[in-house]
Amino acid sequence: MKIAAALAAIAAALALQTTLGSLVIRGTAALDLVLIVVVYIALMTGPVTGLLLGSFAGLIQDSLSSGIIGIGGLAKTVVGFMAGVLGTQFIVAAPLSRFVVFVLATALHAAIFMGLYVLLELRQFDSPYGPVLSQAVGNGFVGVVGAQLVELLPGLRERRRTRRASR
């Protein structure tokens, strides 16, 4: 059941990101919804799940993009594993700690992704610090809000059932 939910979340993130990708204003950094889902699930389930889900999601995302297949997959694999390790070693339930993890995960993903492109001499990035920082902050905000909503909804449903039963 958890595997199906994780795959559905990745599919929804991919669909939403490709749909919203055409709506992003030029010059602004876009959110990476797939990365947010990978990091959240890795934080909740551990490094092995983060590694496998990051690999799967990254390769699917690479196959839908025009870049080299495998670079994004490798970056998301490493980030998923590291987020899973952080989730098992530290308490990351508070919004501030989750925000920091999402920001660091985005920075690590960008460093691996851009680093591999530069290392393989496929592309040069002119001053990527601003866009990466804005994407990291955006991913952190959306990740924290999304995590709070995901954890709030099951309890909300249960409270609603309890209120209806007590009437």
N, C-alpha and C. Protein backbone atom coordinates (compact mmCIF):
# COMPACT_ATOMS: atom_id res chain seq x y z
N MET A 1 0.82 -1.19 0.00
CA MET A 1 0.00 0.00 0.00
C MET A 1 0.87 1.26 0.00
N LYS A 2 1.93 1.26 0.81
CA LYS A 2 2.81 2.43 0.87
C LYS A 2 3.54 2.63 -0.44
N ILE A 3 3.90 1.54 -1.10
CA ILE A 3 4.58 1.64 -2.39
C ILE A 3 3.66 2.28 -3.41
N ALA A 4 2.41 1.85 -3.42
CA ALA A 4 1.44 2.41 -4.37
C ALA A 4 1.22 3.89 -4.09
N ALA A 5 1.16 4.27 -2.82
CA ALA A 5 0.97 5.69 -2.47
C ALA A 5 2.19 6.51 -2.90
N ALA A 6 3.39 5.97 -2.71
CA ALA A 6 4.60 6.70 -3.11
C ALA A 6 4.66 6.86 -4.63
N LEU A 7 4.32 5.81 -5.36
CA LEU A 7 4.32 5.90 -6.82
C LEU A 7 3.24 6.86 -7.32
N ALA A 8 2.09 6.85 -6.65
CA ALA A 8 1.02 7.78 -7.02
C ALA A 8 1.44 9.22 -6.75
N ALA A 9 2.14 9.44 -5.65
CA ALA A 9 2.62 10.79 -5.33
C ALA A 9 3.63 11.27 -6.37
N ILE A 10 4.52 10.37 -6.77
CA ILE A 10 5.50 10.72 -7.82
C ILE A 10 4.78 11.02 -9.13
N ALA A 11 3.81 10.20 -9.49
CA ALA A 11 3.06 10.42 -10.73
C ALA A 11 2.32 11.74 -10.68
N ALA A 12 1.70 12.06 -9.55
CA ALA A 12 0.98 13.32 -9.41
C ALA A 12 1.95 14.50 -9.49
N ALA A 13 3.11 14.38 -8.85
CA ALA A 13 4.11 15.45 -8.90
C ALA A 13 4.61 15.66 -10.33
N LEU A 14 4.86 14.56 -11.04
CA LEU A 14 5.31 14.67 -12.43
C LEU A 14 4.24 15.34 -13.30
N ALA A 15 3.00 14.91 -13.12
CA ALA A 15 1.92 15.48 -13.92
C ALA A 15 1.73 16.96 -13.61
N LEU A 16 1.77 17.30 -12.33
CA LEU A 16 1.59 18.69 -11.93
C LEU A 16 2.76 19.55 -12.40
N GLN A 17 3.96 19.02 -12.30
CA GLN A 17 5.14 19.79 -12.71
C GLN A 17 5.17 20.01 -14.21
N THR A 18 4.83 19.00 -14.98
CA THR A 18 4.83 19.19 -16.43
C THR A 18 3.70 20.10 -16.87
N THR A 19 2.59 20.06 -16.15
CA THR A 19 1.47 20.95 -16.47
C THR A 19 1.80 22.39 -16.11
N LEU A 20 2.36 22.58 -14.93
CA LEU A 20 2.68 23.94 -14.48
C LEU A 20 3.96 24.47 -15.09
N GLY A 21 4.77 23.60 -15.69
CA GLY A 21 6.04 24.03 -16.28
C GLY A 21 5.85 25.06 -17.37
N SER A 22 4.77 24.97 -18.11
CA SER A 22 4.53 25.94 -19.18
C SER A 22 4.01 27.26 -18.62
N LEU A 23 3.56 27.27 -17.37
CA LEU A 23 3.02 28.49 -16.78
C LEU A 23 4.06 29.31 -16.03
N VAL A 24 5.28 28.76 -15.87
CA VAL A 24 6.33 29.45 -15.13
C VAL A 24 6.85 30.64 -15.93
N ILE A 25 7.00 31.75 -15.25
CA ILE A 25 7.49 32.97 -15.90
C ILE A 25 8.99 32.84 -16.15
N ARG A 26 9.43 33.24 -17.32
CA ARG A 26 10.85 33.17 -17.65
C ARG A 26 11.67 34.01 -16.68
N GLY A 27 12.84 33.47 -16.30
CA GLY A 27 13.74 34.20 -15.41
C GLY A 27 13.56 33.83 -13.95
N THR A 28 12.53 33.09 -13.63
CA THR A 28 12.34 32.67 -12.25
C THR A 28 12.68 31.19 -12.13
N ALA A 29 13.07 30.80 -10.95
CA ALA A 29 13.39 29.40 -10.74
C ALA A 29 12.12 28.63 -10.47
N ALA A 30 11.95 27.53 -11.14
CA ALA A 30 10.77 26.71 -10.97
C ALA A 30 10.95 25.77 -9.77
N LEU A 31 9.85 25.35 -9.21
CA LEU A 31 9.89 24.36 -8.14
C LEU A 31 10.17 23.00 -8.75
N ASP A 32 10.78 22.13 -7.97
CA ASP A 32 10.98 20.75 -8.38
C ASP A 32 10.09 19.89 -7.49
N LEU A 33 8.85 19.70 -7.93
CA LEU A 33 7.86 18.96 -7.13
C LEU A 33 8.27 17.50 -6.93
N VAL A 34 8.91 16.92 -7.93
CA VAL A 34 9.35 15.53 -7.81
C VAL A 34 10.40 15.41 -6.72
N LEU A 35 11.32 16.35 -6.67
CA LEU A 35 12.34 16.35 -5.62
C LEU A 35 11.69 16.50 -4.24
N ILE A 36 10.70 17.35 -4.14
CA ILE A 36 10.00 17.54 -2.86
C ILE A 36 9.37 16.24 -2.40
N VAL A 37 8.72 15.53 -3.30
CA VAL A 37 8.08 14.26 -2.94
C VAL A 37 9.13 13.23 -2.54
N VAL A 38 10.21 13.15 -3.29
CA VAL A 38 11.28 12.19 -2.97
C VAL A 38 11.86 12.48 -1.59
N VAL A 39 12.14 13.73 -1.30
CA VAL A 39 12.72 14.08 -0.01
C VAL A 39 11.74 13.79 1.13
N TYR A 40 10.48 14.14 0.95
CA TYR A 40 9.50 13.89 2.01
C TYR A 40 9.35 12.39 2.29
N ILE A 41 9.22 11.60 1.25
CA ILE A 41 9.05 10.16 1.45
C ILE A 41 10.31 9.56 2.04
N ALA A 42 11.47 10.03 1.62
CA ALA A 42 12.73 9.53 2.19
C ALA A 42 12.84 9.89 3.67
N LEU A 43 12.41 11.07 4.04
CA LEU A 43 12.43 11.46 5.45
C LEU A 43 11.53 10.56 6.28
N MET A 44 10.40 10.16 5.72
CA MET A 44 9.43 9.36 6.47
C MET A 44 9.76 7.87 6.48
N THR A 45 10.44 7.38 5.44
CA THR A 45 10.62 5.92 5.32
C THR A 45 12.06 5.43 5.42
N GLY A 46 13.03 6.28 5.19
CA GLY A 46 14.42 5.86 5.34
C GLY A 46 15.23 5.91 4.06
N PRO A 47 16.53 5.60 4.20
CA PRO A 47 17.46 5.78 3.07
C PRO A 47 17.25 4.82 1.90
N VAL A 48 16.86 3.59 2.17
CA VAL A 48 16.71 2.63 1.06
C VAL A 48 15.54 3.04 0.18
N THR A 49 14.43 3.39 0.80
CA THR A 49 13.27 3.84 0.03
C THR A 49 13.60 5.13 -0.69
N GLY A 50 14.29 6.04 -0.03
CA GLY A 50 14.69 7.29 -0.67
C GLY A 50 15.58 7.06 -1.87
N LEU A 51 16.50 6.13 -1.75
CA LEU A 51 17.40 5.80 -2.85
C LEU A 51 16.63 5.23 -4.03
N LEU A 52 15.77 4.24 -3.76
CA LEU A 52 15.03 3.60 -4.84
C LEU A 52 14.02 4.55 -5.49
N LEU A 53 13.30 5.30 -4.65
CA LEU A 53 12.31 6.23 -5.19
C LEU A 53 12.99 7.37 -5.93
N GLY A 54 14.12 7.86 -5.41
CA GLY A 54 14.85 8.91 -6.10
C GLY A 54 15.36 8.46 -7.45
N SER A 55 15.85 7.24 -7.50
CA SER A 55 16.33 6.69 -8.76
C SER A 55 15.20 6.56 -9.78
N PHE A 56 14.09 5.99 -9.34
CA PHE A 56 12.94 5.80 -10.22
C PHE A 56 12.39 7.14 -10.71
N ALA A 57 12.15 8.05 -9.76
CA ALA A 57 11.56 9.34 -10.11
C ALA A 57 12.50 10.15 -11.00
N GLY A 58 13.80 10.12 -10.70
CA GLY A 58 14.76 10.87 -11.50
C GLY A 58 14.87 10.36 -12.91
N LEU A 59 14.85 9.05 -13.07
CA LEU A 59 14.93 8.49 -14.42
C LEU A 59 13.67 8.77 -15.22
N ILE A 60 12.53 8.70 -14.57
CA ILE A 60 11.28 9.04 -15.26
C ILE A 60 11.29 10.51 -15.67
N GLN A 61 11.72 11.36 -14.75
CA GLN A 61 11.78 12.79 -15.06
C GLN A 61 12.79 13.07 -16.17
N ASP A 62 13.92 12.37 -16.15
CA ASP A 62 14.92 12.53 -17.22
C ASP A 62 14.35 12.10 -18.56
N SER A 63 13.59 11.02 -18.57
CA SER A 63 13.06 10.54 -19.85
C SER A 63 12.01 11.49 -20.42
N LEU A 64 11.39 12.30 -19.56
CA LEU A 64 10.41 13.26 -20.03
C LEU A 64 11.03 14.60 -20.41
N SER A 65 12.30 14.79 -20.07
CA SER A 65 12.96 16.06 -20.38
C SER A 65 13.85 15.90 -21.60
N SER A 66 14.48 16.99 -21.98
CA SER A 66 15.34 16.94 -23.17
C SER A 66 16.81 16.77 -22.81
N GLY A 67 17.12 16.56 -21.53
CA GLY A 67 18.50 16.43 -21.10
C GLY A 67 19.02 15.01 -21.23
N ILE A 68 20.18 14.80 -20.67
CA ILE A 68 20.82 13.49 -20.68
C ILE A 68 20.09 12.59 -19.68
N ILE A 69 19.70 11.42 -20.10
CA ILE A 69 19.01 10.48 -19.21
C ILE A 69 20.03 9.91 -18.23
N GLY A 70 19.74 10.06 -16.96
CA GLY A 70 20.58 9.51 -15.92
C GLY A 70 21.18 10.53 -14.98
N ILE A 71 21.38 11.75 -15.45
CA ILE A 71 22.01 12.76 -14.59
C ILE A 71 21.04 13.18 -13.49
N GLY A 72 19.82 13.49 -13.85
CA GLY A 72 18.82 13.82 -12.85
C GLY A 72 18.50 12.63 -11.96
N GLY A 73 18.50 11.43 -12.54
CA GLY A 73 18.26 10.22 -11.76
C GLY A 73 19.34 10.00 -10.72
N LEU A 74 20.59 10.23 -11.09
CA LEU A 74 21.68 10.08 -10.14
C LEU A 74 21.59 11.13 -9.04
N ALA A 75 21.27 12.36 -9.43
CA ALA A 75 21.16 13.43 -8.44
C ALA A 75 20.03 13.14 -7.45
N LYS A 76 18.88 12.71 -7.94
CA LYS A 76 17.76 12.41 -7.04
C LYS A 76 18.02 11.15 -6.22
N THR A 77 18.79 10.21 -6.74
CA THR A 77 19.15 9.02 -5.98
C THR A 77 19.99 9.40 -4.77
N VAL A 78 21.02 10.21 -4.98
CA VAL A 78 21.89 10.63 -3.88
C VAL A 78 21.11 11.46 -2.87
N VAL A 79 20.28 12.39 -3.36
CA VAL A 79 19.50 13.24 -2.47
C VAL A 79 18.49 12.41 -1.68
N GLY A 80 17.81 11.47 -2.33
CA GLY A 80 16.87 10.60 -1.62
C GLY A 80 17.54 9.79 -0.53
N PHE A 81 18.71 9.26 -0.83
CA PHE A 81 19.45 8.49 0.17
C PHE A 81 19.87 9.37 1.34
N MET A 82 20.43 10.54 1.04
CA MET A 82 20.88 11.43 2.11
C MET A 82 19.72 11.94 2.96
N ALA A 83 18.59 12.24 2.34
CA ALA A 83 17.42 12.68 3.11
C ALA A 83 16.92 11.55 3.99
N GLY A 84 16.96 10.32 3.50
CA GLY A 84 16.57 9.18 4.31
C GLY A 84 17.49 8.98 5.49
N VAL A 85 18.79 9.16 5.28
CA VAL A 85 19.75 9.06 6.38
C VAL A 85 19.48 10.14 7.42
N LEU A 86 19.25 11.36 6.97
CA LEU A 86 18.93 12.45 7.90
C LEU A 86 17.65 12.15 8.68
N GLY A 87 16.66 11.58 8.00
CA GLY A 87 15.40 11.26 8.65
C GLY A 87 15.53 10.18 9.71
N THR A 88 16.48 9.27 9.53
CA THR A 88 16.67 8.22 10.53
C THR A 88 17.60 8.63 11.65
N GLN A 89 18.48 9.57 11.40
CA GLN A 89 19.47 9.97 12.40
C GLN A 89 19.04 11.15 13.26
N PHE A 90 18.18 12.00 12.71
CA PHE A 90 17.78 13.21 13.41
C PHE A 90 16.26 13.32 13.42
N ILE A 91 15.75 14.07 14.37
CA ILE A 91 14.32 14.33 14.44
C ILE A 91 14.02 15.52 13.52
N VAL A 92 13.31 15.25 12.47
CA VAL A 92 12.99 16.30 11.50
C VAL A 92 11.48 16.44 11.36
N ALA A 93 10.80 16.51 12.49
CA ALA A 93 9.35 16.65 12.48
C ALA A 93 8.91 18.10 12.57
N ALA A 94 9.75 18.96 13.07
CA ALA A 94 9.40 20.38 13.20
C ALA A 94 9.50 21.06 11.84
N PRO A 95 8.65 22.05 11.59
CA PRO A 95 8.67 22.73 10.29
C PRO A 95 10.02 23.36 9.95
N LEU A 96 10.70 23.95 10.93
CA LEU A 96 11.99 24.59 10.63
C LEU A 96 13.04 23.57 10.21
N SER A 97 13.10 22.44 10.91
CA SER A 97 14.08 21.41 10.54
C SER A 97 13.76 20.81 9.18
N ARG A 98 12.48 20.64 8.87
CA ARG A 98 12.11 20.14 7.55
C ARG A 98 12.47 21.15 6.47
N PHE A 99 12.25 22.43 6.76
CA PHE A 99 12.60 23.47 5.80
C PHE A 99 14.09 23.42 5.48
N VAL A 100 14.90 23.27 6.51
CA VAL A 100 16.35 23.20 6.32
C VAL A 100 16.71 21.98 5.47
N VAL A 101 16.07 20.84 5.73
CA VAL A 101 16.36 19.63 4.95
C VAL A 101 15.97 19.82 3.49
N PHE A 102 14.79 20.41 3.24
CA PHE A 102 14.37 20.64 1.85
C PHE A 102 15.32 21.61 1.14
N VAL A 103 15.77 22.65 1.83
CA VAL A 103 16.70 23.61 1.23
C VAL A 103 18.04 22.93 0.93
N LEU A 104 18.57 22.18 1.89
CA LEU A 104 19.85 21.49 1.68
C LEU A 104 19.74 20.44 0.58
N ALA A 105 18.61 19.74 0.54
CA ALA A 105 18.42 18.72 -0.51
C ALA A 105 18.38 19.37 -1.89
N THR A 106 17.73 20.51 -2.00
CA THR A 106 17.68 21.21 -3.28
C THR A 106 19.07 21.69 -3.70
N ALA A 107 19.82 22.21 -2.75
CA ALA A 107 21.18 22.67 -3.06
C ALA A 107 22.07 21.51 -3.47
N LEU A 108 21.96 20.37 -2.77
CA LEU A 108 22.75 19.19 -3.13
C LEU A 108 22.35 18.68 -4.51
N HIS A 109 21.06 18.64 -4.78
CA HIS A 109 20.58 18.20 -6.09
C HIS A 109 21.13 19.09 -7.20
N ALA A 110 21.08 20.40 -6.98
CA ALA A 110 21.57 21.34 -7.99
C ALA A 110 23.08 21.19 -8.18
N ALA A 111 23.81 20.99 -7.08
CA ALA A 111 25.26 20.83 -7.18
C ALA A 111 25.63 19.58 -7.97
N ILE A 112 24.94 18.48 -7.71
CA ILE A 112 25.22 17.24 -8.45
C ILE A 112 24.81 17.39 -9.90
N PHE A 113 23.61 17.89 -10.14
CA PHE A 113 23.08 18.02 -11.49
C PHE A 113 23.95 18.94 -12.34
N MET A 114 24.19 20.14 -11.83
CA MET A 114 25.00 21.09 -12.59
C MET A 114 26.46 20.66 -12.67
N GLY A 115 26.95 20.09 -11.58
CA GLY A 115 28.33 19.62 -11.56
C GLY A 115 28.60 18.56 -12.61
N LEU A 116 27.67 17.62 -12.78
CA LEU A 116 27.85 16.58 -13.79
C LEU A 116 27.79 17.15 -15.21
N TYR A 117 26.87 18.08 -15.43
CA TYR A 117 26.81 18.71 -16.76
C TYR A 117 28.10 19.46 -17.08
N VAL A 118 28.64 20.19 -16.10
CA VAL A 118 29.88 20.93 -16.32
C VAL A 118 31.05 19.96 -16.46
N LEU A 119 31.09 18.93 -15.61
CA LEU A 119 32.18 17.95 -15.66
C LEU A 119 32.23 17.23 -17.01
N LEU A 120 31.07 16.91 -17.55
CA LEU A 120 31.01 16.23 -18.84
C LEU A 120 31.08 17.21 -20.02
N GLU A 121 31.25 18.49 -19.71
CA GLU A 121 31.35 19.56 -20.71
C GLU A 121 30.15 19.59 -21.66
N LEU A 122 28.96 19.37 -21.08
CA LEU A 122 27.74 19.41 -21.87
C LEU A 122 27.05 20.75 -21.82
N ARG A 123 27.31 21.49 -20.74
CA ARG A 123 26.63 22.77 -20.56
C ARG A 123 27.38 23.59 -19.53
N GLN A 124 27.31 24.90 -19.66
CA GLN A 124 27.89 25.82 -18.68
C GLN A 124 26.75 26.59 -18.02
N PHE A 125 26.90 26.86 -16.75
CA PHE A 125 25.88 27.60 -16.01
C PHE A 125 26.50 28.93 -15.56
N ASP A 126 25.91 30.02 -16.00
CA ASP A 126 26.40 31.35 -15.64
C ASP A 126 25.72 31.79 -14.35
N SER A 127 26.49 31.91 -13.30
CA SER A 127 26.02 32.39 -12.00
C SER A 127 24.70 31.75 -11.56
N PRO A 128 24.73 30.47 -11.20
CA PRO A 128 23.48 29.76 -10.85
C PRO A 128 23.01 29.99 -9.41
N TYR A 129 23.74 30.80 -8.65
CA TYR A 129 23.45 30.92 -7.21
C TYR A 129 22.06 31.49 -6.93
N GLY A 130 21.67 32.52 -7.63
CA GLY A 130 20.36 33.13 -7.41
C GLY A 130 19.21 32.19 -7.71
N PRO A 131 19.18 31.60 -8.91
CA PRO A 131 18.10 30.66 -9.21
C PRO A 131 18.07 29.44 -8.29
N VAL A 132 19.24 28.93 -7.92
CA VAL A 132 19.28 27.77 -7.02
C VAL A 132 18.77 28.16 -5.64
N LEU A 133 19.16 29.32 -5.16
CA LEU A 133 18.69 29.77 -3.85
C LEU A 133 17.18 29.98 -3.85
N SER A 134 16.66 30.61 -4.91
CA SER A 134 15.21 30.82 -4.95
C SER A 134 14.45 29.51 -5.09
N GLN A 135 15.01 28.56 -5.85
CA GLN A 135 14.37 27.25 -5.95
C GLN A 135 14.44 26.52 -4.61
N ALA A 136 15.55 26.64 -3.90
CA ALA A 136 15.70 25.98 -2.61
C ALA A 136 14.70 26.52 -1.60
N VAL A 137 14.55 27.83 -1.56
CA VAL A 137 13.59 28.43 -0.63
C VAL A 137 12.16 28.04 -1.02
N GLY A 138 11.86 28.08 -2.31
CA GLY A 138 10.53 27.67 -2.78
C GLY A 138 10.24 26.22 -2.47
N ASN A 139 11.21 25.35 -2.76
CA ASN A 139 11.03 23.92 -2.44
C ASN A 139 10.86 23.72 -0.94
N GLY A 140 11.62 24.47 -0.14
CA GLY A 140 11.49 24.35 1.31
C GLY A 140 10.12 24.75 1.78
N PHE A 141 9.61 25.86 1.27
CA PHE A 141 8.29 26.32 1.68
C PHE A 141 7.20 25.34 1.25
N VAL A 142 7.21 24.94 -0.02
CA VAL A 142 6.20 24.01 -0.52
C VAL A 142 6.32 22.66 0.18
N GLY A 143 7.55 22.22 0.45
CA GLY A 143 7.75 20.95 1.13
C GLY A 143 7.19 20.95 2.54
N VAL A 144 7.42 22.02 3.28
CA VAL A 144 6.91 22.11 4.65
C VAL A 144 5.39 22.19 4.65
N VAL A 145 4.83 23.04 3.80
CA VAL A 145 3.36 23.17 3.74
C VAL A 145 2.73 21.85 3.28
N GLY A 146 3.32 21.23 2.27
CA GLY A 146 2.80 19.95 1.80
C GLY A 146 2.88 18.86 2.86
N ALA A 147 3.98 18.81 3.58
CA ALA A 147 4.13 17.80 4.64
C ALA A 147 3.10 18.03 5.74
N GLN A 148 2.88 19.28 6.11
CA GLN A 148 1.87 19.58 7.13
C GLN A 148 0.49 19.16 6.66
N LEU A 149 0.16 19.41 5.41
CA LEU A 149 -1.15 19.02 4.88
C LEU A 149 -1.30 17.51 4.82
N VAL A 150 -0.26 16.82 4.37
CA VAL A 150 -0.32 15.36 4.27
C VAL A 150 -0.52 14.74 5.65
N GLU A 151 0.10 15.31 6.65
CA GLU A 151 -0.02 14.76 8.00
C GLU A 151 -1.29 15.22 8.70
N LEU A 152 -1.90 16.31 8.25
CA LEU A 152 -3.11 16.82 8.86
C LEU A 152 -4.37 16.13 8.33
N LEU A 153 -4.38 15.78 7.05
CA LEU A 153 -5.58 15.25 6.42
C LEU A 153 -6.11 13.95 7.04
N PRO A 154 -5.29 12.94 7.32
CA PRO A 154 -5.86 11.72 7.93
C PRO A 154 -6.51 12.00 9.29
N GLY A 155 -5.93 12.84 10.09
CA GLY A 155 -6.51 13.19 11.38
C GLY A 155 -7.81 13.97 11.21
N LEU A 156 -7.87 14.81 10.19
CA LEU A 156 -9.07 15.58 9.92
C LEU A 156 -10.23 14.67 9.55
N ARG A 157 -9.97 13.69 8.74
CA ARG A 157 -11.01 12.72 8.35
C ARG A 157 -11.51 11.96 9.57
N GLU A 158 -10.58 11.53 10.41
CA GLU A 158 -10.97 10.77 11.61
C GLU A 158 -11.78 11.64 12.58
N ARG A 159 -11.39 12.89 12.77
CA ARG A 159 -12.14 13.79 13.65
C ARG A 159 -13.54 14.03 13.12
N ARG A 160 -13.67 14.16 11.80
CA ARG A 160 -14.98 14.36 11.19
C ARG A 160 -15.88 13.15 11.42
N ARG A 161 -15.34 11.95 11.28
CA ARG A 161 -16.10 10.73 11.54
C ARG A 161 -16.54 10.66 13.00
N THR A 162 -15.65 11.02 13.90
CA THR A 162 -15.96 10.98 15.32
C THR A 162 -17.08 11.97 15.65
N ARG A 163 -17.03 13.16 15.09
CA ARG A 163 -18.10 14.15 15.33
C ARG A 163 -19.44 13.67 14.80
N ARG A 164 -19.44 13.06 13.64
CA ARG A 164 -20.70 12.57 13.07
C ARG A 164 -21.27 11.42 13.90
N ALA A 165 -20.41 10.58 14.41
CA ALA A 165 -20.87 9.43 15.21
C ALA A 165 -21.42 9.89 16.56
N SER A 166 -20.89 10.99 17.10
CA SER A 166 -21.35 11.46 18.42
C SER A 166 -22.66 12.25 18.35
N ARG A 167 -23.10 12.61 17.16
CA ARG A 167 -24.36 13.39 17.03
C ARG A 167 -25.54 12.54 17.15
